Amino acid sequence: MMKIPPVKIVFSQEDRAEIFERFNDIFNTGSFTLGKYGRELEEKWAAYKGVKHAITVNSGTSSLELPLRSLKPRVEKKEVIIPTNTFIATGSAVMHARAKPVLTDIDNSFCMSPESLQDKISKKTRAVVYVHIGGYISKNINEVKKICDDHKIPLIEDAAQAHGAKLNGKYAGTFGIAGSFSLYPTKIITSGEGGVIITDNKKIADKTRVFRDQGKASFLSADFVEFGHNFRMSEFHAAIGLTHFKHMDEFIKERTEIANKFDQKLKNVSGLRPFKVEPGSVNNYYKYIVMLDEGMDRARIKKDLKEKFNVGLSGEVYEKPLHKQLAFKKFKFNENEFKNSESLCSRHICLPVYNTMTDEEINYIVDSLKAVI
């Protein structure tokens, strides 16, 4: 066990008892999928975000793929624009939707550059996927939204990391035609495995429900109207997700307090600076990003923190952009177009942030980082 792990998943004894009670009910009823707990999670998620529809699925990756497959006109054999600085799932979802990914550079917010987006739009563009990085919303999403609206291109938000994040009172996932969330174990709330799609668009909601259940017209129907897949969330995962969901605001408040303490303790440390969130943006602090000065050896810093101080850093956002990933080499991207991504991706670390983190642990992380720097 590490003294300070990169991530810690928190379920209290009360939470566990609540989950096990639901599990027992699931065993008793025999309703293992697309049952009452999944519906309850969808209802609560929609109410929290203030949207008409929420659809649970088996992963965050699926929550991106299904809205893309539900668009009209279809994205197959056309182009979907995404930032190069994102997790592989964003690109994979585009590929599984049978579209071609087109990459943009990012700006200093770590998010899609509006200028780069404008340059990449073509007659083949069928959608834009904007990725919220690290748990906050950059104000540049308003520029991206305007560009999409001007070109009549649907905007989908990859909000896998942005549960509860807001910009000027508006939640992540509600700027575009649909928003996609991950409930993977590292996220601020989890269902073990799973994802959620939110939208006000009934056609997209109906279509994603069809796709997630093997393309059936309805759960009890024997008619298959699309080539879908098993993208369903099980009742067991929904039961876990319901318990964590009720702690959403509590978890964000606690993580914000931890981040504020890091801000104060790191503000005068030479060689680094905490990443500043723009005014009006409510960060859930899925990641606490620290920018390193030019020329600093990130690999050495991470290695020394782990080996000398037993501190495990959280993964970057991201260490290697998509245009550098082997799986995307076949597209032969012009790597000179992504200089900002390469610079920002190489010059940051993410400190551990988890609920139940103590002041003693915060001080130990900061002191260890100072020693290593």
Protein backbone atom coordinates (compact mmCIF):
# COMPACT_ATOMS: atom_id res chain seq x y z
CA MET A 1 0.00 0.00 0.00
CA MET A 2 1.28 3.47 -0.89
CA LYS A 3 1.40 6.12 1.82
CA ILE A 4 -0.42 8.45 -0.59
CA PRO A 5 -2.21 6.58 -3.42
CA PRO A 6 -3.07 8.33 -6.68
CA VAL A 7 -6.78 7.59 -6.17
CA LYS A 8 -8.91 6.38 -3.28
CA ILE A 9 -12.49 5.17 -3.78
CA VAL A 10 -14.65 6.02 -0.79
CA PHE A 11 -17.71 4.05 0.30
CA SER A 12 -18.69 4.39 3.95
CA GLN A 13 -20.05 1.46 5.94
CA GLU A 14 -23.50 3.06 5.69
CA ASP A 15 -23.13 3.29 1.91
CA ARG A 16 -22.10 -0.34 1.69
CA ALA A 17 -25.07 -1.44 3.77
CA GLU A 18 -27.39 0.53 1.48
CA ILE A 19 -25.84 -1.05 -1.61
CA PHE A 20 -26.05 -4.57 -0.21
CA GLU A 21 -29.71 -4.00 0.64
CA ARG A 22 -30.37 -3.09 -2.99
CA PHE A 23 -28.35 -6.09 -4.15
CA ASN A 24 -30.55 -8.35 -2.03
CA ASP A 25 -33.65 -6.80 -3.60
CA ILE A 26 -32.20 -7.40 -7.08
CA PHE A 27 -31.60 -11.08 -6.25
CA ASN A 28 -35.12 -11.40 -4.86
CA THR A 29 -36.84 -9.81 -7.85
CA GLY A 30 -34.60 -11.35 -10.52
CA SER A 31 -34.51 -8.00 -12.36
CA PHE A 32 -30.82 -7.76 -13.22
CA THR A 33 -30.85 -5.17 -16.00
CA LEU A 34 -32.90 -2.18 -17.18
CA GLY A 35 -34.92 -2.26 -13.96
CA LYS A 36 -36.05 0.19 -11.31
CA TYR A 37 -32.61 1.15 -10.03
CA GLY A 38 -31.38 2.07 -13.49
CA ARG A 39 -34.53 4.14 -14.05
CA GLU A 40 -34.11 5.85 -10.67
CA LEU A 41 -30.50 6.75 -11.46
CA GLU A 42 -31.60 8.17 -14.81
CA GLU A 43 -34.37 10.23 -13.20
CA LYS A 44 -32.06 11.64 -10.53
CA TRP A 45 -29.29 12.41 -13.03
CA ALA A 46 -31.72 14.23 -15.35
CA ALA A 47 -33.21 16.22 -12.47
CA TYR A 48 -29.75 17.19 -11.19
CA LYS A 49 -28.64 18.42 -14.61
CA GLY A 50 -32.01 20.00 -15.44
CA VAL A 51 -32.47 18.03 -18.67
CA LYS A 52 -35.35 16.00 -20.08
CA HIS A 53 -33.53 12.71 -20.65
CA ALA A 54 -30.74 10.69 -19.02
CA ILE A 55 -29.81 7.25 -20.33
CA THR A 56 -27.54 4.85 -18.41
CA VAL A 57 -25.07 2.71 -20.33
CA ASN A 58 -22.24 0.31 -19.55
CA SER A 59 -19.32 2.76 -19.91
CA GLY A 60 -18.27 6.31 -20.58
CA THR A 61 -17.02 5.19 -23.99
CA SER A 62 -20.50 3.93 -24.89
CA SER A 63 -21.97 7.20 -23.66
CA LEU A 64 -19.96 8.95 -26.40
CA GLU A 65 -20.52 6.45 -29.18
CA LEU A 66 -24.31 6.22 -28.94
CA PRO A 67 -25.10 9.95 -29.35
CA LEU A 68 -22.79 10.00 -32.37
CA ARG A 69 -24.61 7.00 -33.88
CA SER A 70 -27.95 8.69 -33.16
CA LEU A 71 -27.30 11.88 -35.14
CA LYS A 72 -29.08 12.77 -38.36
CA PRO A 73 -27.54 12.95 -40.89
CA ARG A 74 -25.44 9.99 -39.85
CA VAL A 75 -21.75 10.31 -39.14
CA GLU A 76 -20.73 7.10 -40.92
CA LYS A 77 -17.92 7.68 -43.43
CA LYS A 78 -17.88 11.38 -42.51
CA GLU A 79 -15.76 13.42 -40.10
CA VAL A 80 -16.08 14.12 -36.38
CA ILE A 81 -13.80 16.77 -34.92
CA ILE A 82 -12.22 16.12 -31.51
CA PRO A 83 -9.24 17.61 -29.62
CA THR A 84 -5.96 15.74 -29.77
CA ASN A 85 -5.63 16.18 -26.00
CA THR A 86 -8.12 13.59 -24.78
CA PHE A 87 -8.40 10.02 -23.58
CA ILE A 88 -8.36 7.26 -26.20
CA ALA A 89 -12.10 6.65 -25.61
CA THR A 90 -13.04 9.89 -27.36
CA GLY A 91 -11.29 8.77 -30.52
CA SER A 92 -12.45 5.18 -30.13
CA ALA A 93 -16.08 6.28 -29.91
CA VAL A 94 -15.71 8.15 -33.18
CA MET A 95 -14.15 5.09 -34.82
CA HIS A 96 -16.85 2.74 -33.48
CA ALA A 97 -19.46 5.12 -34.86
CA ARG A 98 -17.73 4.49 -38.22
CA ALA A 99 -16.61 8.09 -38.65
CA LYS A 100 -13.16 9.55 -39.23
CA PRO A 101 -11.61 11.51 -36.32
CA VAL A 102 -10.22 14.93 -37.20
CA LEU A 103 -7.98 16.43 -34.51
CA THR A 104 -7.66 20.00 -33.28
CA ASP A 105 -5.00 21.59 -31.13
CA ILE A 106 -5.84 22.91 -27.66
CA ASP A 107 -5.39 26.34 -26.07
CA ASN A 108 -3.98 27.14 -22.64
CA SER A 109 -7.17 25.90 -20.97
CA PHE A 110 -6.17 22.33 -21.99
CA CYS A 111 -9.40 22.26 -24.05
CA MET A 112 -10.21 22.47 -27.76
CA SER A 113 -8.88 25.59 -29.46
CA PRO A 114 -11.72 27.47 -31.20
CA GLU A 115 -9.26 28.74 -33.81
CA SER A 116 -8.05 25.24 -34.57
CA LEU A 117 -11.66 24.01 -34.75
CA GLN A 118 -12.54 26.69 -37.28
CA ASP A 119 -9.65 25.58 -39.47
CA LYS A 120 -10.69 21.90 -39.38
CA ILE A 121 -14.36 22.24 -40.35
CA SER A 122 -15.14 20.89 -43.82
CA LYS A 123 -18.11 19.75 -45.89
CA LYS A 124 -17.60 16.30 -44.39
CA THR A 125 -17.91 17.47 -40.78
CA ARG A 126 -20.93 15.88 -39.06
CA ALA A 127 -20.21 16.58 -35.37
CA VAL A 128 -17.82 18.18 -32.91
CA VAL A 129 -16.93 16.53 -29.60
CA TYR A 130 -15.71 19.00 -26.99
CA VAL A 131 -13.81 17.48 -24.04
CA HIS A 132 -13.99 19.00 -20.54
CA ILE A 133 -10.55 18.41 -19.03
CA GLY A 134 -9.77 17.73 -15.37
CA GLY A 135 -13.22 18.51 -13.97
CA TYR A 136 -13.87 22.09 -15.04
CA ILE A 137 -15.44 23.95 -17.95
CA SER A 138 -13.36 26.41 -19.96
CA LYS A 139 -15.10 29.59 -21.08
CA ASN A 140 -13.91 28.83 -24.62
CA ILE A 141 -16.79 26.37 -24.93
CA ASN A 142 -18.98 29.40 -25.68
CA GLU A 143 -16.81 30.19 -28.72
CA VAL A 144 -16.86 26.54 -29.78
CA LYS A 145 -20.65 26.46 -29.42
CA LYS A 146 -21.02 29.58 -31.57
CA ILE A 147 -18.81 28.11 -34.29
CA CYS A 148 -20.87 24.90 -34.28
CA ASP A 149 -24.14 26.84 -34.39
CA ASP A 150 -22.90 29.05 -37.24
CA HIS A 151 -22.03 25.93 -39.27
CA LYS A 152 -25.13 23.99 -38.11
CA ILE A 153 -22.91 21.24 -36.69
CA PRO A 154 -24.09 19.33 -33.59
CA LEU A 155 -21.92 19.71 -30.50
CA ILE A 156 -21.50 16.75 -28.13
CA GLU A 157 -19.73 17.17 -24.80
CA ASP A 158 -17.32 14.58 -23.48
CA ALA A 159 -17.94 15.36 -19.82
CA ALA A 160 -16.43 12.10 -18.56
CA GLN A 161 -14.49 14.01 -15.90
CA ALA A 162 -16.90 16.90 -15.31
CA HIS A 163 -19.64 15.60 -12.99
CA GLY A 164 -21.23 18.62 -11.31
CA ALA A 165 -18.92 21.13 -13.01
CA LYS A 166 -20.54 24.43 -14.01
CA LEU A 167 -19.75 27.57 -15.97
CA ASN A 168 -21.75 30.62 -14.96
CA GLY A 169 -24.39 28.34 -13.46
CA LYS A 170 -24.70 26.05 -16.49
CA TYR A 171 -23.78 22.38 -16.02
CA ALA A 172 -21.31 20.42 -18.10
CA GLY A 173 -23.21 18.34 -20.63
CA THR A 174 -25.91 20.98 -21.26
CA PHE A 175 -24.10 23.25 -23.73
CA GLY A 176 -24.44 20.92 -26.71
CA ILE A 177 -27.03 18.54 -28.12
CA ALA A 178 -25.89 15.77 -25.74
CA GLY A 179 -23.47 15.23 -22.87
CA SER A 180 -21.58 12.05 -21.99
CA PHE A 181 -20.35 11.04 -18.52
CA SER A 182 -18.20 8.21 -17.17
CA LEU A 183 -18.82 6.36 -13.91
CA TYR A 184 -15.49 4.54 -13.99
CA PRO A 185 -13.94 3.90 -10.53
CA THR A 186 -11.50 6.84 -10.69
CA LYS A 187 -14.23 9.42 -11.27
CA ILE A 188 -15.53 11.56 -8.40
CA ILE A 189 -18.60 9.33 -8.24
CA THR A 190 -18.72 5.80 -9.59
CA SER A 191 -20.98 2.87 -10.31
CA GLY A 192 -18.01 0.52 -10.70
CA GLU A 193 -18.39 0.57 -14.47
CA GLY A 194 -20.88 2.67 -16.37
CA GLY A 195 -21.80 5.89 -18.13
CA VAL A 196 -24.66 8.33 -18.55
CA ILE A 197 -25.93 10.25 -21.57
CA ILE A 198 -27.95 13.44 -21.04
CA THR A 199 -29.94 15.33 -23.66
CA ASP A 200 -33.05 17.41 -24.23
CA ASN A 201 -33.39 15.90 -27.70
CA LYS A 202 -36.07 13.18 -27.68
CA LYS A 203 -34.89 11.64 -30.96
CA ILE A 204 -31.37 11.16 -29.61
CA ALA A 205 -32.72 9.81 -26.31
CA ASP A 206 -34.99 7.31 -28.06
CA LYS A 207 -32.27 6.23 -30.46
CA THR A 208 -29.65 5.69 -27.75
CA ARG A 209 -32.10 3.52 -25.79
CA VAL A 210 -32.59 1.38 -28.90
CA PHE A 211 -28.85 1.09 -29.59
CA ARG A 212 -27.96 0.19 -25.99
CA ASP A 213 -30.27 -2.86 -26.00
CA GLN A 214 -29.15 -4.74 -29.12
CA GLY A 215 -31.21 -2.49 -31.42
CA LYS A 216 -34.59 -3.65 -30.06
CA ALA A 217 -37.60 -1.41 -30.55
CA SER A 218 -38.25 -1.68 -26.80
CA PHE A 219 -37.08 -3.79 -23.85
CA LEU A 220 -39.81 -6.43 -24.22
CA SER A 221 -40.03 -6.26 -28.00
CA ALA A 222 -38.89 -9.00 -30.36
CA ASP A 223 -38.45 -6.47 -33.18
CA PHE A 224 -34.94 -5.27 -33.98
CA VAL A 225 -34.87 -1.93 -35.77
CA GLU A 226 -31.12 -1.12 -35.60
CA PHE A 227 -27.81 -2.96 -35.33
CA GLY A 228 -27.15 -2.21 -31.69
CA HIS A 229 -25.05 -3.89 -29.05
CA ASN A 230 -25.17 -4.75 -25.37
CA PHE A 231 -24.49 -1.31 -23.94
CA ARG A 232 -26.80 -1.82 -20.95
CA MET A 233 -25.95 -0.88 -17.37
CA SER A 234 -26.74 -3.70 -14.94
CA GLU A 235 -28.98 -3.15 -11.93
CA PHE A 236 -26.02 -3.93 -9.66
CA HIS A 237 -24.00 -1.09 -11.16
CA ALA A 238 -26.99 1.23 -10.98
CA ALA A 239 -27.44 0.35 -7.30
CA ILE A 240 -23.84 1.37 -6.61
CA GLY A 241 -24.20 4.51 -8.70
CA LEU A 242 -27.31 5.63 -6.82
CA THR A 243 -25.47 5.53 -3.52
CA HIS A 244 -22.52 7.54 -4.77
CA PHE A 245 -24.75 9.97 -6.66
CA LYS A 246 -26.29 11.32 -3.45
CA HIS A 247 -22.80 12.42 -2.36
CA MET A 248 -22.05 14.39 -5.56
CA ASP A 249 -22.21 17.92 -4.10
CA GLU A 250 -20.64 16.81 -0.83
CA PHE A 251 -17.69 15.23 -2.66
CA ILE A 252 -17.18 18.32 -4.85
CA LYS A 253 -17.22 20.60 -1.80
CA GLU A 254 -14.63 18.45 -0.04
CA ARG A 255 -12.37 18.23 -3.10
CA THR A 256 -12.60 22.01 -3.56
CA GLU A 257 -11.46 22.53 0.03
CA ILE A 258 -8.50 20.22 -0.59
CA ALA A 259 -7.61 22.08 -3.80
CA ASN A 260 -7.79 25.44 -2.01
CA LYS A 261 -5.28 24.17 0.55
CA PHE A 262 -2.96 23.01 -2.24
CA ASP A 263 -3.30 26.45 -3.86
CA GLN A 264 -2.16 28.20 -0.71
CA LYS A 265 0.71 25.85 0.05
CA LEU A 266 2.09 25.83 -3.51
CA LYS A 267 1.68 29.48 -4.50
CA ASN A 268 5.29 30.45 -3.72
CA VAL A 269 7.04 27.20 -4.69
CA SER A 270 9.56 27.86 -7.45
CA GLY A 271 9.57 25.60 -10.48
CA LEU A 272 5.81 25.09 -10.61
CA ARG A 273 2.44 26.82 -10.46
CA PRO A 274 -1.05 25.51 -9.81
CA PHE A 275 -3.32 25.58 -12.85
CA LYS A 276 -5.77 28.46 -12.48
CA VAL A 277 -9.47 27.89 -13.09
CA GLU A 278 -11.18 30.69 -14.99
CA PRO A 279 -13.66 32.96 -13.13
CA GLY A 280 -17.23 31.66 -13.23
CA SER A 281 -16.16 28.03 -13.59
CA VAL A 282 -17.02 25.59 -10.79
CA ASN A 283 -14.38 22.85 -10.77
CA ASN A 284 -15.10 19.41 -9.30
CA TYR A 285 -11.32 18.85 -8.98
CA TYR A 286 -11.31 15.45 -10.57
CA LYS A 287 -7.71 16.44 -11.20
CA TYR A 288 -5.49 18.97 -9.44
CA ILE A 289 -3.20 20.17 -12.23
CA VAL A 290 0.23 21.65 -11.56
CA MET A 291 2.22 23.26 -14.36
CA LEU A 292 5.99 22.67 -14.37
CA ASP A 293 8.56 25.14 -15.59
CA GLU A 294 10.18 24.54 -18.96
CA GLY A 295 12.96 21.97 -18.85
CA MET A 296 11.85 20.19 -15.70
CA ASP A 297 12.07 16.40 -15.82
CA ARG A 298 8.54 15.14 -15.14
CA ALA A 299 9.51 11.48 -15.29
CA ARG A 300 12.19 12.03 -12.65
CA ILE A 301 9.79 13.98 -10.42
CA LYS A 302 7.18 11.21 -10.56
CA LYS A 303 9.78 8.51 -10.00
CA ASP A 304 11.30 10.26 -6.97
CA LEU A 305 7.92 10.97 -5.41
CA LYS A 306 6.98 7.32 -5.70
CA GLU A 307 10.28 5.72 -4.72
CA LYS A 308 11.57 8.17 -2.12
CA PHE A 309 8.34 9.42 -0.56
CA ASN A 310 5.75 6.74 -1.42
CA VAL A 311 3.49 9.29 -3.13
CA GLY A 312 1.69 8.15 -6.28
CA LEU A 313 0.71 10.92 -8.68
CA SER A 314 -2.58 10.81 -10.51
CA GLY A 315 -2.46 10.30 -14.29
CA GLU A 316 -1.96 13.34 -16.50
CA VAL A 317 -4.59 15.03 -18.71
CA TYR A 318 -2.98 13.80 -20.85
CA GLU A 319 0.57 12.51 -21.01
CA LYS A 320 0.44 11.74 -24.72
CA PRO A 321 -2.05 13.37 -27.15
CA LEU A 322 -3.91 11.23 -29.68
CA HIS A 323 -1.78 12.23 -32.67
CA LYS A 324 1.16 10.60 -30.85
CA GLN A 325 -0.69 7.35 -30.10
CA LEU A 326 0.20 4.32 -32.21
CA ALA A 327 -3.48 3.48 -32.84
CA PHE A 328 -3.93 6.82 -34.65
CA LYS A 329 -0.73 6.78 -36.70
CA LYS A 330 -2.58 5.47 -39.75
CA PHE A 331 -4.32 8.83 -40.14
CA LYS A 332 -0.94 10.50 -40.76
CA PHE A 333 -1.74 13.72 -38.92
CA ASN A 334 0.50 16.73 -39.46
CA GLU A 335 2.20 16.84 -36.06
CA ASN A 336 3.27 20.47 -36.58
CA GLU A 337 -0.37 21.46 -36.04
CA PHE A 338 -0.43 20.40 -32.37
CA LYS A 339 2.42 22.30 -30.76
CA ASN A 340 0.37 23.69 -27.88
CA SER A 341 -0.96 20.23 -27.03
CA GLU A 342 2.52 18.76 -26.99
CA SER A 343 3.82 21.57 -24.78
CA LEU A 344 1.01 21.48 -22.21
CA CYS A 345 0.83 17.70 -22.12
CA SER A 346 4.55 17.44 -21.37
CA ARG A 347 4.69 20.18 -18.71
CA HIS A 348 2.18 19.17 -16.05
CA ILE A 349 1.55 16.74 -13.25
CA CYS A 350 -1.64 15.95 -11.33
CA LEU A 351 -1.47 15.68 -7.55
CA PRO A 352 -3.56 13.09 -5.70
CA VAL A 353 -7.00 14.36 -4.69
CA TYR A 354 -9.49 12.10 -2.97
CA ASN A 355 -12.30 12.41 -0.47
CA THR A 356 -11.24 11.78 3.14
CA MET A 357 -7.78 13.27 2.41
CA THR A 358 -6.45 14.75 5.65
CA ASP A 359 -4.46 17.92 6.31
CA GLU A 360 -1.57 15.68 7.34
CA GLU A 361 -1.68 13.97 3.93
CA ILE A 362 -1.91 17.32 2.11
CA ASN A 363 1.14 18.61 4.01
CA TYR A 364 3.06 15.41 3.27
CA ILE A 365 2.31 15.65 -0.47
CA VAL A 366 3.42 19.29 -0.60
CA ASP A 367 6.56 18.72 1.46
CA SER A 368 7.49 15.71 -0.68
CA LEU A 369 6.95 17.68 -3.89
CA LYS A 370 9.10 20.56 -2.59
CA ALA A 371 11.87 18.14 -1.71
CA VAL A 372 11.77 16.53 -5.15
CA ILE A 373 11.65 19.87 -6.98
